[in-house]
C-alpha atoms as a PDB file:
ATOM      1  CA  MET A   1      96.841 -38.646 133.327  1.00  0.00           C
ATOM      2  CA  ILE A   2      98.295 -35.251 132.375  1.00  0.00           C
ATOM      3  CA  THR A   3      97.598 -34.034 128.838  1.00  0.00           C
ATOM      4  CA  GLU A   4      99.468 -31.088 127.347  1.00  0.00           C
ATOM      5  CA  ILE A   5      97.017 -28.963 125.335  1.00  0.00           C
ATOM      6  CA  LYS A   6      98.476 -27.898 122.024  1.00  0.00           C
ATOM      7  CA  SER A   7      95.300 -26.580 120.404  1.00  0.00           C
ATOM      8  CA  LEU A   8      91.700 -25.702 121.248  1.00  0.00           C
ATOM      9  CA  GLN A   9      90.572 -28.849 119.415  1.00  0.00           C
ATOM     10  CA  GLU A  10      92.038 -31.188 122.039  1.00  0.00           C
ATOM     11  CA  PRO A  11      89.375 -33.864 122.807  1.00  0.00           C
ATOM     12  CA  GLY A  12      87.883 -33.578 126.294  1.00  0.00           C
ATOM     13  CA  ILE A  13      88.532 -29.887 126.949  1.00  0.00           C
ATOM     14  CA  GLU A  14      85.167 -28.738 125.578  1.00  0.00           C
ATOM     15  CA  ILE A  15      83.657 -28.953 129.076  1.00  0.00           C
ATOM     16  CA  PHE A  16      85.902 -26.064 130.109  1.00  0.00           C
ATOM     17  CA  GLY A  17      85.184 -23.785 127.179  1.00  0.00           C
ATOM     18  CA  THR A  18      82.670 -24.502 124.451  1.00  0.00           C
ATOM     19  CA  LEU A  19      79.854 -26.134 126.431  1.00  0.00           C
ATOM     20  CA  THR A  20      77.296 -23.689 127.819  1.00  0.00           C
ATOM     21  CA  GLU A  21      76.004 -23.834 131.390  1.00  0.00           C
ATOM     22  CA  ALA A  22      72.820 -25.492 130.109  1.00  0.00           C
ATOM     23  CA  GLN A  23      74.812 -28.083 128.175  1.00  0.00           C
ATOM     24  CA  LEU A  24      76.919 -28.861 131.228  1.00  0.00           C
ATOM     25  CA  ARG A  25      73.772 -29.383 133.315  1.00  0.00           C
ATOM     26  CA  SER A  26      72.267 -31.809 130.811  1.00  0.00           C
ATOM     27  CA  LYS A  27      75.452 -33.604 129.731  1.00  0.00           C
ATOM     28  CA  LEU A  28      74.675 -37.353 129.512  1.00  0.00           C
ATOM     29  CA  ASP A  29      71.493 -36.960 131.594  1.00  0.00           C
ATOM     30  CA  ALA A  30      69.968 -34.646 134.198  1.00  0.00           C
ATOM     31  CA  GLU A  31      71.210 -36.708 137.132  1.00  0.00           C
ATOM     32  CA  ARG A  32      74.786 -36.808 135.851  1.00  0.00           C
ATOM     33  CA  GLY A  33      75.287 -33.229 134.694  1.00  0.00           C
ATOM     34  CA  LEU A  34      78.439 -31.263 135.366  1.00  0.00           C
ATOM     35  CA  PHE A  35      79.436 -27.915 136.813  1.00  0.00           C
ATOM     36  CA  ILE A  36      82.733 -26.041 136.952  1.00  0.00           C
ATOM     37  CA  ALA A  37      84.450 -25.041 140.190  1.00  0.00           C
ATOM     38  CA  GLU A  38      87.209 -22.432 140.058  1.00  0.00           C
ATOM     39  CA  SER A  39      90.272 -21.852 142.251  1.00  0.00           C
ATOM     40  CA  PRO A  40      91.957 -24.305 144.616  1.00  0.00           C
ATOM     41  CA  LYS A  41      90.044 -23.044 147.664  1.00  0.00           C
ATOM     42  CA  VAL A  42      86.610 -23.507 146.101  1.00  0.00           C
ATOM     43  CA  ILE A  43      87.558 -26.891 144.627  1.00  0.00           C
ATOM     44  CA  ARG A  44      88.714 -28.109 148.047  1.00  0.00           C
ATOM     45  CA  VAL A  45      85.392 -27.074 149.613  1.00  0.00           C
ATOM     46  CA  ALA A  46      83.494 -28.973 146.899  1.00  0.00           C
ATOM     47  CA  LEU A  47      85.619 -32.080 147.379  1.00  0.00           C
ATOM     48  CA  GLN A  48      85.094 -31.980 151.144  1.00  0.00           C
ATOM     49  CA  ALA A  49      81.350 -31.698 150.526  1.00  0.00           C
ATOM     50  CA  GLY A  50      81.437 -34.943 148.548  1.00  0.00           C
ATOM     51  CA  TYR A  51      81.270 -33.698 144.959  1.00  0.00           C
ATOM     52  CA  GLN A  52      83.007 -36.024 142.501  1.00  0.00           C
ATOM     53  CA  PRO A  53      85.709 -34.539 140.226  1.00  0.00           C
ATOM     54  CA  GLN A  54      85.693 -35.501 136.542  1.00  0.00           C
ATOM     55  CA  ALA A  55      88.565 -33.483 135.028  1.00  0.00           C
ATOM     56  CA  LEU A  56      90.995 -30.687 135.884  1.00  0.00           C
ATOM     57  CA  LEU A  57      92.250 -27.772 133.811  1.00  0.00           C
ATOM     58  CA  CYS A  58      95.400 -26.401 135.380  1.00  0.00           C
ATOM     59  CA  GLU A  59      98.218 -24.025 134.562  1.00  0.00           C
ATOM     60  CA  ARG A  60     101.441 -26.011 134.388  1.00  0.00           C
ATOM     61  CA  ARG A  61     103.041 -24.218 137.339  1.00  0.00           C
ATOM     62  CA  HIS A  62     100.157 -25.166 139.631  1.00  0.00           C
ATOM     63  CA  ILE A  63     100.459 -28.927 139.038  1.00  0.00           C
ATOM     64  CA  THR A  64     103.245 -29.108 141.595  1.00  0.00           C
ATOM     65  CA  GLY A  65     102.072 -25.936 143.376  1.00  0.00           C
ATOM     66  CA  ASP A  66      98.593 -24.831 144.514  1.00  0.00           C
ATOM     67  CA  ALA A  67      96.856 -27.786 142.873  1.00  0.00           C
ATOM     68  CA  ALA A  68      99.202 -30.555 144.045  1.00  0.00           C
ATOM     69  CA  ASP A  69      96.989 -31.659 146.957  1.00  0.00           C
ATOM     70  CA  ILE A  70      93.868 -31.475 144.785  1.00  0.00           C
ATOM     71  CA  ILE A  71      95.445 -33.696 142.146  1.00  0.00           C
ATOM     72  CA  ALA A  72      96.435 -36.184 144.845  1.00  0.00           C
ATOM     73  CA  THR A  73      92.865 -36.187 146.207  1.00  0.00           C
ATOM     74  CA  CYS A  74      91.155 -36.508 142.823  1.00  0.00           C
ATOM     75  CA  GLY A  75      92.876 -39.728 141.834  1.00  0.00           C
ATOM     76  CA  ASP A  76      92.948 -40.961 138.249  1.00  0.00           C
ATOM     77  CA  ILE A  77      91.078 -38.266 136.323  1.00  0.00           C
ATOM     78  CA  PRO A  78      92.140 -36.361 133.181  1.00  0.00           C
ATOM     79  CA  ILE A  79      94.337 -33.341 133.904  1.00  0.00           C
ATOM     80  CA  TYR A  80      94.719 -30.816 131.099  1.00  0.00           C
ATOM     81  CA  THR A  81      97.467 -28.216 131.141  1.00  0.00           C
ATOM     82  CA  GLY A  82      99.081 -25.756 128.793  1.00  0.00           C
ATOM     83  CA  GLU A  83     100.350 -22.231 128.368  1.00  0.00           C
ATOM     84  CA  ARG A  84      98.463 -19.553 130.290  1.00  0.00           C
ATOM     85  CA  GLU A  85      97.503 -17.699 127.105  1.00  0.00           C
ATOM     86  CA  LEU A  86      96.086 -20.827 125.440  1.00  0.00           C
ATOM     87  CA  LEU A  87      94.013 -21.719 128.504  1.00  0.00           C
ATOM     88  CA  ALA A  88      92.652 -18.170 128.576  1.00  0.00           C
ATOM     89  CA  GLN A  89      91.579 -18.562 124.927  1.00  0.00           C
ATOM     90  CA  LEU A  90      89.776 -21.771 125.862  1.00  0.00           C
ATOM     91  CA  THR A  91      87.861 -20.389 128.835  1.00  0.00           C
ATOM     92  CA  GLY A  92      87.482 -16.805 127.652  1.00  0.00           C
ATOM     93  CA  TYR A  93      89.295 -15.349 130.671  1.00  0.00           C
ATOM     94  CA  THR A  94      92.451 -15.772 132.724  1.00  0.00           C
ATOM     95  CA  LEU A  95      91.928 -18.644 135.145  1.00  0.00           C
ATOM     96  CA  THR A  96      91.147 -17.803 138.769  1.00  0.00           C
ATOM     97  CA  ARG A  97      94.211 -18.995 140.669  1.00  0.00           C
ATOM     98  CA  GLY A  98      95.044 -21.163 137.657  1.00  0.00           C
ATOM     99  CA  VAL A  99      92.771 -24.165 138.289  1.00  0.00           C
ATOM    100  CA  LEU A 100      89.329 -25.322 137.083  1.00  0.00           C
ATOM    101  CA  CYS A 101      87.630 -28.568 138.029  1.00  0.00           C
ATOM    102  CA  ALA A 102      84.692 -30.172 136.232  1.00  0.00           C
ATOM    103  CA  MET A 103      82.595 -31.920 138.860  1.00  0.00           C
ATOM    104  CA  ARG A 104      79.564 -34.195 138.859  1.00  0.00           C
ATOM    105  CA  ARG A 105      76.295 -32.799 140.151  1.00  0.00           C
ATOM    106  CA  LYS A 106      74.527 -34.590 142.955  1.00  0.00           C
ATOM    107  CA  PRO A 107      70.978 -35.919 142.411  1.00  0.00           C
ATOM    108  CA  GLU A 108      68.295 -33.319 143.087  1.00  0.00           C
ATOM    109  CA  ARG A 109      66.703 -33.626 146.522  1.00  0.00           C
ATOM    110  CA  SER A 110      63.127 -32.814 147.482  1.00  0.00           C
ATOM    111  CA  VAL A 111      62.246 -29.902 149.733  1.00  0.00           C
ATOM    112  CA  GLN A 112      61.212 -32.391 152.405  1.00  0.00           C
ATOM    113  CA  GLN A 113      64.581 -34.143 152.250  1.00  0.00           C
ATOM    114  CA  VAL A 114      66.523 -30.890 152.532  1.00  0.00           C
ATOM    115  CA  LEU A 115      64.487 -29.474 155.402  1.00  0.00           C
ATOM    116  CA  SER A 116      64.435 -32.740 157.311  1.00  0.00           C
ATOM    117  CA  SER A 117      68.248 -32.619 157.371  1.00  0.00           C
ATOM    118  CA  ILE A 118      68.253 -29.435 159.481  1.00  0.00           C
ATOM    119  CA  THR A 119      69.963 -30.313 162.740  1.00  0.00           C
ATOM    120  CA  ASN A 120      68.315 -27.704 164.979  1.00  0.00           C
ATOM    121  CA  PRO A 121      64.663 -28.760 165.397  1.00  0.00           C
ATOM    122  CA  GLU A 122      63.730 -25.913 167.762  1.00  0.00           C
ATOM    123  CA  LYS A 123      64.270 -22.819 165.615  1.00  0.00           C
ATOM    124  CA  GLN A 124      64.828 -22.839 161.878  1.00  0.00           C
ATOM    125  CA  ARG A 125      65.659 -20.093 159.402  1.00  0.00           C
ATOM    126  CA  ILE A 126      65.605 -20.689 155.664  1.00  0.00           C
ATOM    127  CA  VAL A 127      65.571 -18.442 152.622  1.00  0.00           C
ATOM    128  CA  VAL A 128      63.596 -18.719 149.400  1.00  0.00           C
ATOM    129  CA  ILE A 129      65.165 -17.083 146.353  1.00  0.00           C
ATOM    130  CA  ASP A 130      62.291 -16.216 144.033  1.00  0.00           C
ATOM    131  CA  GLY A 131      63.097 -15.304 140.446  1.00  0.00           C
ATOM    132  CA  VAL A 132      66.630 -13.978 141.051  1.00  0.00           C
ATOM    133  CA  VAL A 133      68.665 -14.549 137.882  1.00  0.00           C
ATOM    134  CA  ASP A 134      71.808 -12.520 138.551  1.00  0.00           C
ATOM    135  CA  THR A 135      74.642 -14.969 139.234  1.00  0.00           C
ATOM    136  CA  THR A 136      76.548 -12.528 141.437  1.00  0.00           C
ATOM    137  CA  ASN A 137      73.524 -12.017 143.678  1.00  0.00           C
ATOM    138  CA  ILE A 138      72.932 -15.766 143.942  1.00  0.00           C
ATOM    139  CA  GLY A 139      76.529 -16.365 144.999  1.00  0.00           C
ATOM    140  CA  ALA A 140      76.466 -13.482 147.491  1.00  0.00           C
ATOM    141  CA  ILE A 141      73.203 -14.682 149.076  1.00  0.00           C
ATOM    142  CA  PHE A 142      74.654 -18.159 149.545  1.00  0.00           C
ATOM    143  CA  ARG A 143      77.804 -16.734 151.106  1.00  0.00           C
ATOM    144  CA  SER A 144      75.771 -14.685 153.599  1.00  0.00           C
ATOM    145  CA  ALA A 145      73.492 -17.650 154.285  1.00  0.00           C
ATOM    146  CA  ALA A 146      76.462 -19.841 155.183  1.00  0.00           C
ATOM    147  CA  ALA A 147      78.139 -17.172 157.295  1.00  0.00           C
ATOM    148  CA  LEU A 148      75.009 -16.137 159.214  1.00  0.00           C
ATOM    149  CA  GLY A 149      73.569 -19.535 160.040  1.00  0.00           C
ATOM    150  CA  ILE A 150      70.762 -19.984 157.524  1.00  0.00           C
ATOM    151  CA  ASP A 151      69.693 -23.628 157.595  1.00  0.00           C
ATOM    152  CA  ALA A 152      68.747 -24.095 153.932  1.00  0.00           C
ATOM    153  CA  VAL A 153      68.233 -22.262 150.643  1.00  0.00           C
ATOM    154  CA  LEU A 154      65.294 -22.964 148.336  1.00  0.00           C
ATOM    155  CA  LEU A 155      65.021 -21.516 144.838  1.00  0.00           C
ATOM    156  CA  THR A 156      62.078 -21.148 142.490  1.00  0.00           C
ATOM    157  CA  ARG A 157      62.666 -22.732 139.091  1.00  0.00           C
ATOM    158  CA  ASN A 158      62.977 -19.320 137.403  1.00  0.00           C
ATOM    159  CA  SER A 159      66.032 -18.446 139.515  1.00  0.00           C
ATOM    160  CA  CYS A 160      69.660 -18.839 138.505  1.00  0.00           C
ATOM    161  CA  ASP A 161      71.310 -22.214 139.059  1.00  0.00           C
ATOM    162  CA  PRO A 162      73.500 -22.010 142.208  1.00  0.00           C
ATOM    163  CA  LEU A 163      76.100 -24.214 140.483  1.00  0.00           C
ATOM    164  CA  ASN A 164      76.528 -21.694 137.682  1.00  0.00           C
ATOM    165  CA  ARG A 165      80.262 -21.061 137.336  1.00  0.00           C
ATOM    166  CA  ARG A 166      80.144 -17.421 138.449  1.00  0.00           C
ATOM    167  CA  ALA A 167      77.677 -18.069 141.282  1.00  0.00           C
ATOM    168  CA  VAL A 168      80.005 -20.752 142.660  1.00  0.00           C
ATOM    169  CA  ARG A 169      82.984 -18.390 142.423  1.00  0.00           C
ATOM    170  CA  VAL A 170      81.223 -15.436 144.084  1.00  0.00           C
ATOM    171  CA  SER A 171      79.950 -17.674 146.880  1.00  0.00           C
ATOM    172  CA  MET A 172      83.532 -18.815 147.580  1.00  0.00           C
ATOM    173  CA  GLY A 173      82.205 -22.367 147.700  1.00  0.00           C
ATOM    174  CA  SER A 174      79.328 -21.594 150.082  1.00  0.00           C
ATOM    175  CA  VAL A 175      76.918 -23.247 147.633  1.00  0.00           C
ATOM    176  CA  PHE A 176      78.493 -26.517 148.780  1.00  0.00           C
ATOM    177  CA  LEU A 177      78.032 -25.745 152.476  1.00  0.00           C
ATOM    178  CA  VAL A 178      74.336 -24.846 152.768  1.00  0.00           C
ATOM    179  CA  PRO A 179      71.692 -27.448 151.826  1.00  0.00           C
ATOM    180  CA  TRP A 180      69.616 -26.266 148.868  1.00  0.00           C
ATOM    181  CA  THR A 181      67.088 -27.423 146.313  1.00  0.00           C
ATOM    182  CA  TRP A 182      64.304 -26.190 144.025  1.00  0.00           C
ATOM    183  CA  LEU A 183      60.893 -25.115 145.339  1.00  0.00           C
ATOM    184  CA  ASP A 184      57.852 -25.676 143.140  1.00  0.00           C
ATOM    185  CA  SER A 185      55.114 -24.528 145.528  1.00  0.00           C
ATOM    186  CA  TYR A 186      54.942 -22.418 148.667  1.00  0.00           C
ATOM    187  CA  ASP A 187      52.238 -24.793 149.875  1.00  0.00           C
ATOM    188  CA  THR A 188      55.025 -27.267 150.633  1.00  0.00           C
ATOM    189  CA  LEU A 189      56.477 -24.860 153.201  1.00  0.00           C
ATOM    190  CA  ARG A 190      53.130 -24.319 154.868  1.00  0.00           C
ATOM    191  CA  GLN A 191      52.558 -28.050 155.096  1.00  0.00           C
ATOM    192  CA  LEU A 192      55.922 -28.374 156.834  1.00  0.00           C
ATOM    193  CA  GLY A 193      55.045 -25.730 159.413  1.00  0.00           C
ATOM    194  CA  TYR A 194      56.951 -22.740 158.052  1.00  0.00           C
ATOM    195  CA  ARG A 195      55.671 -19.181 158.110  1.00  0.00           C
ATOM    196  CA  THR A 196      56.815 -16.973 155.271  1.00  0.00           C
ATOM    197  CA  ALA A 197      58.172 -13.427 155.343  1.00  0.00           C
ATOM    198  CA  ALA A 198      58.193 -11.695 151.957  1.00  0.00           C
ATOM    199  CA  MET A 199      60.743  -8.891 151.733  1.00  0.00           C
ATOM    200  CA  ALA A 200      58.753  -6.172 149.974  1.00  0.00           C
ATOM    201  CA  LEU A 201      57.625  -2.565 150.280  1.00  0.00           C
ATOM    202  CA  THR A 202      53.853  -2.386 150.733  1.00  0.00           C
ATOM    203  CA  ASP A 203      51.453  -0.444 152.934  1.00  0.00           C
ATOM    204  CA  GLN A 204      51.170  -3.560 155.098  1.00  0.00           C
ATOM    205  CA  SER A 205      54.916  -4.156 155.512  1.00  0.00           C
ATOM    206  CA  ILE A 206      56.201  -4.507 159.052  1.00  0.00           C
ATOM    207  CA  SER A 207      59.693  -3.544 160.120  1.00  0.00           C
ATOM    208  CA  LEU A 208      62.412  -6.183 160.047  1.00  0.00           C
ATOM    209  CA  ASP A 209      62.975  -5.616 163.767  1.00  0.00           C
ATOM    210  CA  ASP A 210      59.328  -6.302 164.678  1.00  0.00           C
ATOM    211  CA  PRO A 211      59.409  -8.743 167.637  1.00  0.00           C
ATOM    212  CA  ILE A 212      56.805 -11.018 166.050  1.00  0.00           C
ATOM    213  CA  LEU A 213      59.357 -12.169 163.488  1.00  0.00           C
ATOM    214  CA  LYS A 214      61.913 -13.298 166.054  1.00  0.00           C
ATOM    215  CA  GLN A 215      59.195 -15.255 167.840  1.00  0.00           C
ATOM    216  CA  GLN A 216      58.677 -17.550 164.851  1.00  0.00           C
ATOM    217  CA  GLU A 217      60.100 -21.044 165.274  1.00  0.00           C
ATOM    218  CA  ARG A 218      60.150 -21.849 161.555  1.00  0.00           C
ATOM    219  CA  LEU A 219      60.598 -18.828 159.337  1.00  0.00           C
ATOM    220  CA  ALA A 220      61.284 -18.615 155.595  1.00  0.00           C
ATOM    221  CA  PHE A 221      62.533 -15.319 154.169  1.00  0.00           C
ATOM    222  CA  ILE A 222      61.452 -14.732 150.565  1.00  0.00           C
ATOM    223  CA  MET A 223      63.846 -12.626 148.500  1.00  0.00           C
ATOM    224  CA  GLY A 224      62.832 -11.403 145.049  1.00  0.00           C
ATOM    225  CA  THR A 225      64.604 -10.033 142.032  1.00  0.00           C
ATOM    226  CA  GLU A 226      65.573  -6.386 141.821  1.00  0.00           C
ATOM    227  CA  GLY A 227      63.393  -4.163 139.685  1.00  0.00           C
ATOM    228  CA  ASP A 228      60.131  -6.095 139.540  1.00  0.00           C
ATOM    229  CA  GLY A 229      60.500  -7.522 143.036  1.00  0.00           C
ATOM    230  CA  LEU A 230      58.373 -10.424 144.213  1.00  0.00           C
ATOM    231  CA  PRO A 231      55.232 -11.497 142.324  1.00  0.00           C
ATOM    232  CA  HIS A 232      52.033  -9.972 143.692  1.00  0.00           C
ATOM    233  CA  ASP A 233      50.536 -13.350 144.606  1.00  0.00           C
ATOM    234  CA  THR A 234      53.687 -14.334 146.520  1.00  0.00           C
ATOM    235  CA  ILE A 235      53.456 -11.176 148.611  1.00  0.00           C
ATOM    236  CA  LYS A 236      49.699 -11.536 149.084  1.00  0.00           C
ATOM    237  CA  ASN A 237      49.974 -15.131 150.281  1.00  0.00           C
ATOM    238  CA  ALA A 238      52.933 -14.599 152.628  1.00  0.00           C
ATOM    239  CA  ASP A 239      52.326 -14.612 156.370  1.00  0.00           C
ATOM    240  CA  PHE A 240      54.312 -11.396 156.771  1.00  0.00           C
ATOM    241  CA  THR A 241      55.455  -8.637 154.453  1.00  0.00           C
ATOM    242  CA  VAL A 242      58.687  -7.135 155.733  1.00  0.00           C
ATOM    243  CA  ARG A 243      60.700  -4.002 155.023  1.00  0.00           C
ATOM    244  CA  ILE A 244      64.145  -2.910 156.167  1.00  0.00           C
ATOM    245  CA  PRO A 245      64.032   0.559 157.797  1.00  0.00           C
ATOM    246  CA  MET A 246      66.216   2.969 155.803  1.00  0.00           C
ATOM    247  CA  SER A 247      67.395   6.556 155.800  1.00  0.00           C
ATOM    248  CA  HIS A 248      68.032   9.361 153.316  1.00  0.00           C
ATOM    249  CA  GLN A 249      64.962   8.456 151.210  1.00  0.00           C
ATOM    250  CA  VAL A 250      66.597   5.256 149.989  1.00  0.00           C
ATOM    251  CA  ASP A 251      63.761   2.823 149.298  1.00  0.00           C
ATOM    252  CA  SER A 252      65.591  -0.475 148.824  1.00  0.00           C
ATOM    253  CA  LEU A 253      68.863  -2.391 148.909  1.00  0.00           C
ATOM    254  CA  ASN A 254      70.471  -4.768 146.466  1.00  0.00           C
ATOM    255  CA  VAL A 255      68.855  -8.173 147.056  1.00  0.00           C
ATOM    256  CA  ALA A 256      72.104  -9.730 148.296  1.00  0.00           C
ATOM    257  CA  ALA A 257      72.663  -6.881 150.755  1.00  0.00           C
ATOM    258  CA  ALA A 258      69.037  -7.039 151.925  1.00  0.00           C
ATOM    259  CA  ALA A 259      69.351 -10.784 152.465  1.00  0.00           C
ATOM    260  CA  ALA A 260      72.457 -10.341 154.622  1.00  0.00           C
ATOM    261  CA  VAL A 261      70.713  -7.708 156.775  1.00  0.00           C
ATOM    262  CA  ALA A 262      67.655  -9.951 157.222  1.00  0.00           C
ATOM    263  CA  PHE A 263      69.769 -13.002 158.056  1.00  0.00           C
ATOM    264  CA  TRP A 264      71.636 -11.088 160.746  1.00  0.00           C
ATOM    265  CA  GLU A 265      68.601  -9.461 162.304  1.00  0.00           C
ATOM    266  CA  LEU A 266      66.584 -12.671 162.518  1.00  0.00           C
ATOM    267  CA  ARG A 267      69.430 -15.064 163.199  1.00  0.00           C
ATOM    268  CA  LYS A 268      68.824 -17.947 165.581  1.00  0.00           C
END
């Protein structure tokens, strides 16, 4: 059903504008929360990954244009449209490629469930995102993880939600391609046979190209937030502390850039 938006008080459009990310996550209940996917390309990736659409917000010209196949795929869901300027007032910005889709979150999976789904049993590479709250960095790490063959992404609870609107957009939908979930304890990884490599500058750090790292069958990179870096106990308890060799007295890279370098160097 297509609804022409005449004002910002139109019932049902609050999910695209006035609800915060936290409110979207907890709408109805934790297992049935929502997230917003932007642009036809990203929405198509989410649909192919099995995420269920709940409503569309679409510039009028895209209904029979870029969004036509999406609308046909989504079936009987509310479709809201209106003038470009009014939609920008609702969302706070001009729509990316003119289409937003509110989608249902999938139930949270355990670490064991995610890691048991890895198809290559012989050599596994995963990444743990520890305390990274910048949405752009989260999206960029996921995009590199998908492109460079990382098997899964785990996040500590104090990290940004990968289904945050901007993280989804920056990842270009890669958050739907790589299995991920929340990690509550590093002990879980050890119990599952993973060795951990904390990316940090210490006196004990080994180089990223050290052969011992490539020899590991199950390896988890741990990437921390910029500024404070990884917690001391996380570094202390890791099996390896790893640095990326650099020049010109540069001591570190942006966490997303560092992750991409590590993924490439230690790819399967």
